[in-house]
Amino acid sequence: MRSGTLGQELLCTPEAVHAFGLGPPTAYAPMAGGGSASRLTRVETGNGAWVVKETPVRSSHKLARMADGFRFETALADAGVPLPRPRPLRDGTGGVWVRATAAGERVAVTVREYVAGEPAGYLEPLDVCVPTALAVATALGQAHQITWRPRVPRDADSWAGPERWAALRDRTMRLSPDVAPILDALAPMLEFAESILRIPRPVRLLAPVHSDANPHNVLRTGTGICLLDWGEGALRDPQTELASALLVWGCDQHGLPRDGLPARMVRAYRATGAAFEPTDLTVFQAHLRAMVDWAFALCRIAIGDQPRPPQWAIAQLHESVLAWEPRWHRLPQLLEHVQAA
């Protein structure tokens, strides 16, 4: 083992490496990413490179969710969905190993294969974006057809509706009146989103979905793509997940299809055997719900309700929320484009 590679800041232990049967380690290195409460460590062994993730767990429900996630990711990998394959424990009892820290806190350890690649981005050049977008559509089509069903209940779909926004505005005027103009700028977007989110959407099929298939969760590798971070996987309407991907991956900053890409993504999705039959704008509900909740979370940070820098949240509101308004105006045209695919 390389000297000096095991710093005190790393929680990864030889016992965890042994529990997963990774083989003798030759190097440890901390990695960026993961949830704020988690630590990631890349471990190199004679059997390859692995990512060890250590997460504090304070409830049995959280631990059960993680065990459920191991089964989900294993089923996805077995179906050919491109993702970092999870590593089972050497004793065959699942994919989560639990240990106690010196302070008595429980830490859940999971391991996945390390995948080398370059992260995708938003609005990349077409020659870069097109093959990645088509691969994402194919991966979602594969995922939406596996037979996995969660054993642990997920949260029901909801969104930060008008009542919560009204309460937020009241707090904003008291705590951070300088943030109020951002709420004013958001108002037309919220009204548009709520007009669609209020419409009941009949769902003919629930399927396993990723829940956040955006460019930040996609790596381009030497053999294609790798779709990361399946931690929010659940049974939901697969049509709305694909529709969100069509807008995120297939349209320019004005909401216009790039080189017919949304329709091409639909055809790639259907080529897996998955069905996509959009009938109205409710097919974009998953995207709108996620964006409304993201905007609400950012506004809370901007007024000091959360322990993150307010200026960061304000910048994100402009760059990753308000900048999407032109795209939302063109959702009807996008719907017509993919209906003709």
Protein backbone atom coordinates (compact mmCIF):
# COMPACT_ATOMS: atom_id res chain seq x y z
CA MET A 1 0.00 0.00 0.00
CA ARG A 2 1.30 3.45 -0.84
CA SER A 3 2.55 5.32 2.20
CA GLY A 4 0.48 8.29 3.26
CA THR A 5 -2.63 7.23 1.34
CA LEU A 6 -4.65 6.57 4.51
CA GLY A 7 -5.34 9.99 6.02
CA GLN A 8 -7.36 10.45 9.18
CA GLU A 9 -10.03 12.26 7.18
CA LEU A 10 -10.92 9.01 5.40
CA LEU A 11 -13.45 6.75 7.09
CA CYS A 12 -12.85 3.85 4.71
CA THR A 13 -11.43 0.94 6.68
CA PRO A 14 -9.71 -2.34 5.78
CA GLU A 15 -12.65 -4.08 7.46
CA ALA A 16 -15.05 -2.54 4.91
CA VAL A 17 -12.78 -3.58 2.05
CA HIS A 18 -12.68 -7.10 3.46
CA ALA A 19 -16.46 -7.23 3.99
CA PHE A 20 -16.99 -6.75 0.27
CA GLY A 21 -14.17 -9.07 -0.78
CA LEU A 22 -12.43 -6.41 -2.84
CA GLY A 23 -8.98 -7.90 -2.44
CA PRO A 24 -5.84 -6.40 -0.92
CA PRO A 25 -5.94 -2.59 -1.35
CA THR A 26 -3.02 -0.82 -3.00
CA ALA A 27 -4.25 2.78 -2.64
CA TYR A 28 -7.03 4.86 -1.13
CA ALA A 29 -8.05 8.29 -2.44
CA PRO A 30 -10.89 10.61 -1.37
CA MET A 31 -13.40 11.57 -4.06
CA ALA A 32 -15.70 14.54 -4.51
CA GLY A 33 -19.41 14.02 -4.90
CA GLY A 34 -22.13 12.14 -3.10
CA GLY A 35 -24.55 13.50 -0.54
CA SER A 36 -23.37 16.11 1.91
CA ALA A 37 -23.45 13.57 4.76
CA SER A 38 -21.59 10.87 2.78
CA ARG A 39 -17.93 10.25 2.03
CA LEU A 40 -16.62 8.63 -1.13
CA THR A 41 -13.29 6.85 -1.34
CA ARG A 42 -11.73 5.28 -4.40
CA VAL A 43 -10.04 2.03 -3.46
CA GLU A 44 -7.62 0.34 -5.85
CA THR A 45 -7.02 -3.38 -5.44
CA GLY A 46 -5.60 -6.18 -7.49
CA ASN A 47 -9.18 -6.91 -8.57
CA GLY A 48 -9.88 -3.44 -9.94
CA ALA A 49 -10.95 -0.03 -8.70
CA TRP A 50 -13.98 0.57 -6.51
CA VAL A 51 -15.91 3.45 -5.00
CA VAL A 52 -16.69 2.98 -1.33
CA LYS A 53 -19.51 5.18 -0.06
CA GLU A 54 -20.04 5.69 3.67
CA THR A 55 -23.27 7.25 4.87
CA PRO A 56 -24.39 7.95 8.45
CA VAL A 57 -27.73 6.26 9.08
CA ARG A 58 -29.98 7.38 11.91
CA SER A 59 -33.05 5.28 11.15
CA SER A 60 -33.97 1.75 10.19
CA HIS A 61 -36.01 3.18 7.31
CA LYS A 62 -32.91 4.78 5.78
CA LEU A 63 -30.99 1.53 6.08
CA ALA A 64 -33.84 -0.41 4.48
CA ARG A 65 -33.96 2.09 1.63
CA MET A 66 -30.26 1.55 0.99
CA ALA A 67 -30.70 -2.23 0.96
CA ASP A 68 -33.61 -1.75 -1.46
CA GLY A 69 -31.37 0.45 -3.62
CA PHE A 70 -28.77 -2.32 -3.86
CA ARG A 71 -31.40 -4.70 -5.20
CA PHE A 72 -32.62 -2.03 -7.63
CA GLU A 73 -29.19 -1.25 -9.04
CA THR A 74 -28.35 -4.94 -9.32
CA ALA A 75 -31.54 -5.55 -11.32
CA LEU A 76 -30.72 -2.60 -13.57
CA ALA A 77 -27.18 -3.82 -14.20
CA ASP A 78 -28.43 -7.35 -14.94
CA ALA A 79 -30.80 -5.85 -17.54
CA GLY A 80 -27.92 -4.09 -19.30
CA VAL A 81 -28.61 -0.58 -18.05
CA PRO A 82 -25.26 1.28 -18.02
CA LEU A 83 -24.49 2.18 -14.42
CA PRO A 84 -21.73 1.44 -11.90
CA ARG A 85 -22.51 -2.13 -10.84
CA PRO A 86 -23.04 -2.45 -7.07
CA ARG A 87 -20.79 -4.90 -5.25
CA PRO A 88 -22.41 -7.51 -2.98
CA LEU A 89 -21.00 -8.44 0.39
CA ARG A 90 -18.70 -11.43 0.32
CA ASP A 91 -21.07 -13.40 2.57
CA GLY A 92 -23.99 -12.97 0.17
CA THR A 93 -26.22 -11.11 2.65
CA GLY A 94 -26.86 -8.09 0.44
CA GLY A 95 -24.95 -4.96 -0.46
CA VAL A 96 -24.88 -2.81 2.70
CA TRP A 97 -22.34 -3.25 5.50
CA VAL A 98 -22.96 -1.40 8.77
CA ARG A 99 -20.35 -0.41 11.31
CA ALA A 100 -20.25 1.85 14.35
CA THR A 101 -17.92 4.82 14.70
CA ALA A 102 -15.98 5.60 17.86
CA ALA A 103 -18.78 8.05 18.73
CA GLY A 104 -21.37 5.29 18.45
CA GLU A 105 -22.87 6.48 15.15
CA ARG A 106 -23.95 3.90 12.60
CA VAL A 107 -22.35 4.16 9.18
CA ALA A 108 -23.70 2.22 6.18
CA VAL A 109 -21.09 1.24 3.61
CA THR A 110 -21.85 0.44 -0.03
CA VAL A 111 -19.47 -0.32 -2.89
CA ARG A 112 -19.76 0.17 -6.63
CA GLU A 113 -17.32 -0.41 -9.43
CA TYR A 114 -15.30 2.68 -10.34
CA VAL A 115 -16.13 3.99 -13.81
CA ALA A 116 -13.76 6.39 -15.53
CA GLY A 117 -15.34 9.02 -17.74
CA GLU A 118 -16.06 12.65 -18.47
CA PRO A 119 -19.22 14.28 -17.08
CA ALA A 120 -21.81 15.42 -19.58
CA GLY A 121 -23.02 19.02 -19.63
CA TYR A 122 -26.00 21.12 -20.69
CA LEU A 123 -26.26 22.50 -24.23
CA GLU A 124 -23.15 20.80 -25.56
CA PRO A 125 -22.20 20.86 -29.28
CA LEU A 126 -24.47 18.62 -31.31
CA ASP A 127 -21.75 16.16 -32.28
CA VAL A 128 -21.15 15.57 -28.57
CA CYS A 129 -24.74 15.84 -27.35
CA VAL A 130 -26.58 13.66 -29.89
CA PRO A 131 -24.96 10.27 -29.17
CA THR A 132 -25.17 10.91 -25.42
CA ALA A 133 -28.83 11.94 -25.56
CA LEU A 134 -29.75 8.88 -27.64
CA ALA A 135 -27.86 6.63 -25.22
CA VAL A 136 -29.73 8.20 -22.27
CA ALA A 137 -33.07 7.52 -23.99
CA THR A 138 -32.03 3.91 -24.59
CA ALA A 139 -30.92 3.47 -20.98
CA LEU A 140 -34.22 4.84 -19.68
CA GLY A 141 -36.12 2.52 -22.00
CA GLN A 142 -34.21 -0.45 -20.60
CA ALA A 143 -34.70 0.67 -17.00
CA HIS A 144 -38.42 1.24 -17.41
CA GLN A 145 -38.94 -2.42 -18.34
CA ILE A 146 -37.23 -4.24 -15.48
CA THR A 147 -39.40 -6.15 -13.02
CA TRP A 148 -38.02 -4.62 -9.79
CA ARG A 149 -40.55 -3.44 -7.23
CA PRO A 150 -39.53 -1.53 -4.09
CA ARG A 151 -39.94 -3.24 -0.75
CA VAL A 152 -39.68 0.04 1.15
CA PRO A 153 -42.29 2.77 0.50
CA ARG A 154 -41.15 5.91 -1.31
CA ASP A 155 -42.51 9.38 -0.72
CA ALA A 156 -45.60 10.22 -2.74
CA ASP A 157 -45.23 12.74 -5.55
CA SER A 158 -46.01 16.31 -4.51
CA TRP A 159 -44.82 19.82 -5.19
CA ALA A 160 -44.42 23.11 -3.38
CA GLY A 161 -47.90 24.47 -4.13
CA PRO A 162 -49.36 27.98 -3.88
CA GLU A 163 -49.88 27.87 -0.10
CA ARG A 164 -46.23 27.10 0.64
CA TRP A 165 -45.10 29.77 -1.81
CA ALA A 166 -47.37 32.33 -0.13
CA ALA A 167 -45.87 31.48 3.25
CA LEU A 168 -42.39 31.73 1.77
CA ARG A 169 -43.15 35.17 0.37
CA ASP A 170 -44.27 36.34 3.81
CA ARG A 171 -40.98 35.17 5.35
CA THR A 172 -39.04 36.71 2.49
CA MET A 173 -40.56 40.14 3.04
CA ARG A 174 -39.69 39.92 6.74
CA LEU A 175 -36.23 38.38 6.49
CA SER A 176 -34.79 39.24 3.06
CA PRO A 177 -36.82 41.81 1.14
CA ASP A 178 -34.01 42.03 -1.41
CA VAL A 179 -34.95 38.51 -2.55
CA ALA A 180 -38.57 39.52 -3.23
CA PRO A 181 -37.87 40.62 -6.85
CA ILE A 182 -36.76 37.06 -7.62
CA LEU A 183 -40.10 35.75 -6.36
CA ASP A 184 -41.83 38.29 -8.60
CA ALA A 185 -39.80 37.06 -11.57
CA LEU A 186 -40.68 33.45 -10.72
CA ALA A 187 -44.42 34.13 -10.48
CA PRO A 188 -45.29 33.59 -14.18
CA MET A 189 -43.34 30.33 -14.24
CA LEU A 190 -45.04 29.08 -11.09
CA GLU A 191 -48.48 29.97 -12.44
CA PHE A 192 -47.75 28.08 -15.66
CA ALA A 193 -46.38 25.04 -13.82
CA GLU A 194 -49.27 24.91 -11.37
CA SER A 195 -51.82 25.10 -14.19
CA ILE A 196 -50.40 21.80 -15.51
CA LEU A 197 -49.63 20.14 -12.18
CA ARG A 198 -53.24 20.60 -11.06
CA ILE A 199 -54.53 18.48 -13.97
CA PRO A 200 -55.14 14.83 -12.96
CA ARG A 201 -52.93 12.55 -15.04
CA PRO A 202 -54.22 9.02 -15.65
CA VAL A 203 -51.27 6.63 -15.41
CA ARG A 204 -51.59 3.33 -17.22
CA LEU A 205 -48.25 1.95 -16.04
CA LEU A 206 -45.89 2.46 -13.14
CA ALA A 207 -42.28 1.52 -13.83
CA PRO A 208 -38.86 1.86 -12.17
CA VAL A 209 -37.53 5.35 -12.92
CA HIS A 210 -34.24 7.12 -12.20
CA SER A 211 -35.97 10.37 -11.10
CA ASP A 212 -33.08 12.69 -12.05
CA ALA A 213 -31.61 11.74 -15.45
CA ASN A 214 -29.94 15.10 -16.07
CA PRO A 215 -26.43 15.71 -17.48
CA HIS A 216 -24.90 15.99 -13.99
CA ASN A 217 -25.67 12.29 -13.52
CA VAL A 218 -24.20 11.07 -16.82
CA LEU A 219 -20.61 10.08 -17.51
CA ARG A 220 -19.28 9.58 -21.02
CA THR A 221 -16.98 6.58 -21.02
CA GLY A 222 -14.85 4.82 -23.60
CA THR A 223 -17.73 2.46 -24.37
CA GLY A 224 -20.75 4.77 -24.13
CA ILE A 225 -22.40 6.35 -21.11
CA CYS A 226 -22.83 5.55 -17.45
CA LEU A 227 -25.96 6.79 -15.67
CA LEU A 228 -25.15 7.62 -12.04
CA ASP A 229 -27.05 8.21 -8.79
CA TRP A 230 -30.09 5.94 -8.72
CA GLY A 231 -30.76 6.72 -5.06
CA GLU A 232 -34.16 8.29 -5.78
CA GLY A 233 -35.30 5.37 -7.91
CA ALA A 234 -38.98 4.59 -7.46
CA LEU A 235 -42.08 3.31 -9.24
CA ARG A 236 -43.49 6.26 -11.13
CA ASP A 237 -44.91 7.22 -14.51
CA PRO A 238 -42.13 6.41 -17.02
CA GLN A 239 -43.71 8.62 -19.69
CA THR A 240 -43.05 11.73 -17.63
CA GLU A 241 -39.42 10.76 -17.03
CA LEU A 242 -38.74 10.44 -20.75
CA ALA A 243 -40.59 13.72 -21.45
CA SER A 244 -38.32 15.50 -18.98
CA ALA A 245 -35.25 14.04 -20.69
CA LEU A 246 -36.51 15.23 -24.08
CA LEU A 247 -36.63 18.81 -22.86
CA VAL A 248 -33.33 18.69 -20.97
CA TRP A 249 -31.30 16.83 -23.58
CA GLY A 250 -33.06 17.52 -26.86
CA CYS A 251 -33.83 21.25 -26.86
CA ASP A 252 -31.80 24.45 -26.99
CA GLN A 253 -32.01 27.28 -24.45
CA HIS A 254 -35.17 28.56 -26.18
CA GLY A 255 -36.96 25.20 -26.04
CA LEU A 256 -36.51 24.47 -29.74
CA PRO A 257 -35.64 20.89 -30.77
CA ARG A 258 -31.99 20.56 -31.75
CA ASP A 259 -31.66 18.76 -35.07
CA GLY A 260 -34.91 16.86 -34.44
CA LEU A 261 -33.26 15.32 -31.38
CA PRO A 262 -36.37 14.87 -29.16
CA ALA A 263 -38.08 12.79 -31.86
CA ARG A 264 -34.90 10.80 -32.37
CA MET A 265 -34.73 10.14 -28.64
CA VAL A 266 -38.33 8.88 -28.69
CA ARG A 267 -37.46 6.45 -31.47
CA ALA A 268 -34.38 5.23 -29.55
CA TYR A 269 -36.54 4.75 -26.44
CA ARG A 270 -39.19 2.80 -28.35
CA ALA A 271 -36.52 0.62 -29.97
CA THR A 272 -35.98 -0.97 -26.53
CA GLY A 273 -39.62 -2.07 -26.49
CA ALA A 274 -40.78 0.70 -24.19
CA ALA A 275 -43.90 2.67 -25.10
CA PHE A 276 -44.22 6.45 -25.25
CA GLU A 277 -47.61 7.91 -26.19
CA PRO A 278 -47.80 11.57 -25.06
CA THR A 279 -51.31 12.98 -25.25
CA ASP A 280 -51.12 16.36 -23.49
CA LEU A 281 -48.89 18.65 -21.46
CA THR A 282 -49.31 16.57 -18.29
CA VAL A 283 -46.53 14.38 -19.70
CA PHE A 284 -44.16 17.16 -18.50
CA GLN A 285 -45.44 17.04 -14.92
CA ALA A 286 -42.34 15.30 -13.52
CA HIS A 287 -40.08 18.00 -14.96
CA LEU A 288 -42.27 20.85 -13.74
CA ARG A 289 -42.68 19.35 -10.27
CA ALA A 290 -38.94 18.90 -9.87
CA MET A 291 -38.20 22.43 -11.06
CA VAL A 292 -40.80 24.01 -8.75
CA ASP A 293 -39.39 22.10 -5.78
CA TRP A 294 -35.82 23.07 -6.78
CA ALA A 295 -36.83 26.74 -6.99
CA PHE A 296 -38.53 26.51 -3.59
CA ALA A 297 -35.44 24.96 -1.99
CA LEU A 298 -33.20 27.64 -3.51
CA CYS A 299 -35.46 30.42 -2.26
CA ARG A 300 -35.29 29.01 1.27
CA ILE A 301 -31.51 29.07 1.08
CA ALA A 302 -31.57 32.60 -0.34
CA ILE A 303 -33.44 33.93 2.70
CA GLY A 304 -31.25 32.05 5.20
CA ASP A 305 -33.59 29.16 6.06
CA GLN A 306 -30.90 26.61 5.16
CA PRO A 307 -27.17 26.51 6.07
CA ARG A 308 -25.80 27.22 2.61
CA PRO A 309 -24.56 30.48 1.05
CA PRO A 310 -27.51 32.71 0.06
CA GLN A 311 -25.57 34.23 -2.85
CA TRP A 312 -25.01 30.76 -4.31
CA ALA A 313 -28.76 30.12 -4.20
CA ILE A 314 -29.54 33.46 -5.81
CA ALA A 315 -27.12 32.71 -8.65
CA GLN A 316 -28.70 29.28 -9.11
CA LEU A 317 -32.19 30.78 -9.24
CA HIS A 318 -31.12 32.93 -12.17
CA GLU A 319 -29.02 30.30 -13.94
CA SER A 320 -30.94 27.07 -13.39
CA VAL A 321 -34.54 28.21 -12.90
CA LEU A 322 -35.38 31.57 -14.48
CA ALA A 323 -33.27 30.71 -17.53
CA TRP A 324 -35.73 27.88 -18.31
CA GLU A 325 -38.74 30.17 -18.82
CA PRO A 326 -38.35 30.31 -22.65
CA ARG A 327 -38.28 26.51 -22.78
CA TRP A 328 -41.50 26.20 -20.81
CA HIS A 329 -43.27 28.55 -23.21
CA ARG A 330 -42.48 26.11 -26.03
CA LEU A 331 -43.66 22.92 -24.32
CA PRO A 332 -46.75 22.80 -26.59
CA GLN A 333 -44.51 22.83 -29.66
CA LEU A 334 -42.26 20.15 -28.15
CA LEU A 335 -45.34 18.01 -27.49
CA GLU A 336 -46.39 18.31 -31.15
CA HIS A 337 -42.84 17.46 -32.27
CA VAL A 338 -42.69 14.19 -30.32
CA GLN A 339 -46.28 13.22 -31.07
CA ALA A 340 -45.26 13.08 -34.71
CA ALA A 341 -42.25 10.85 -34.01
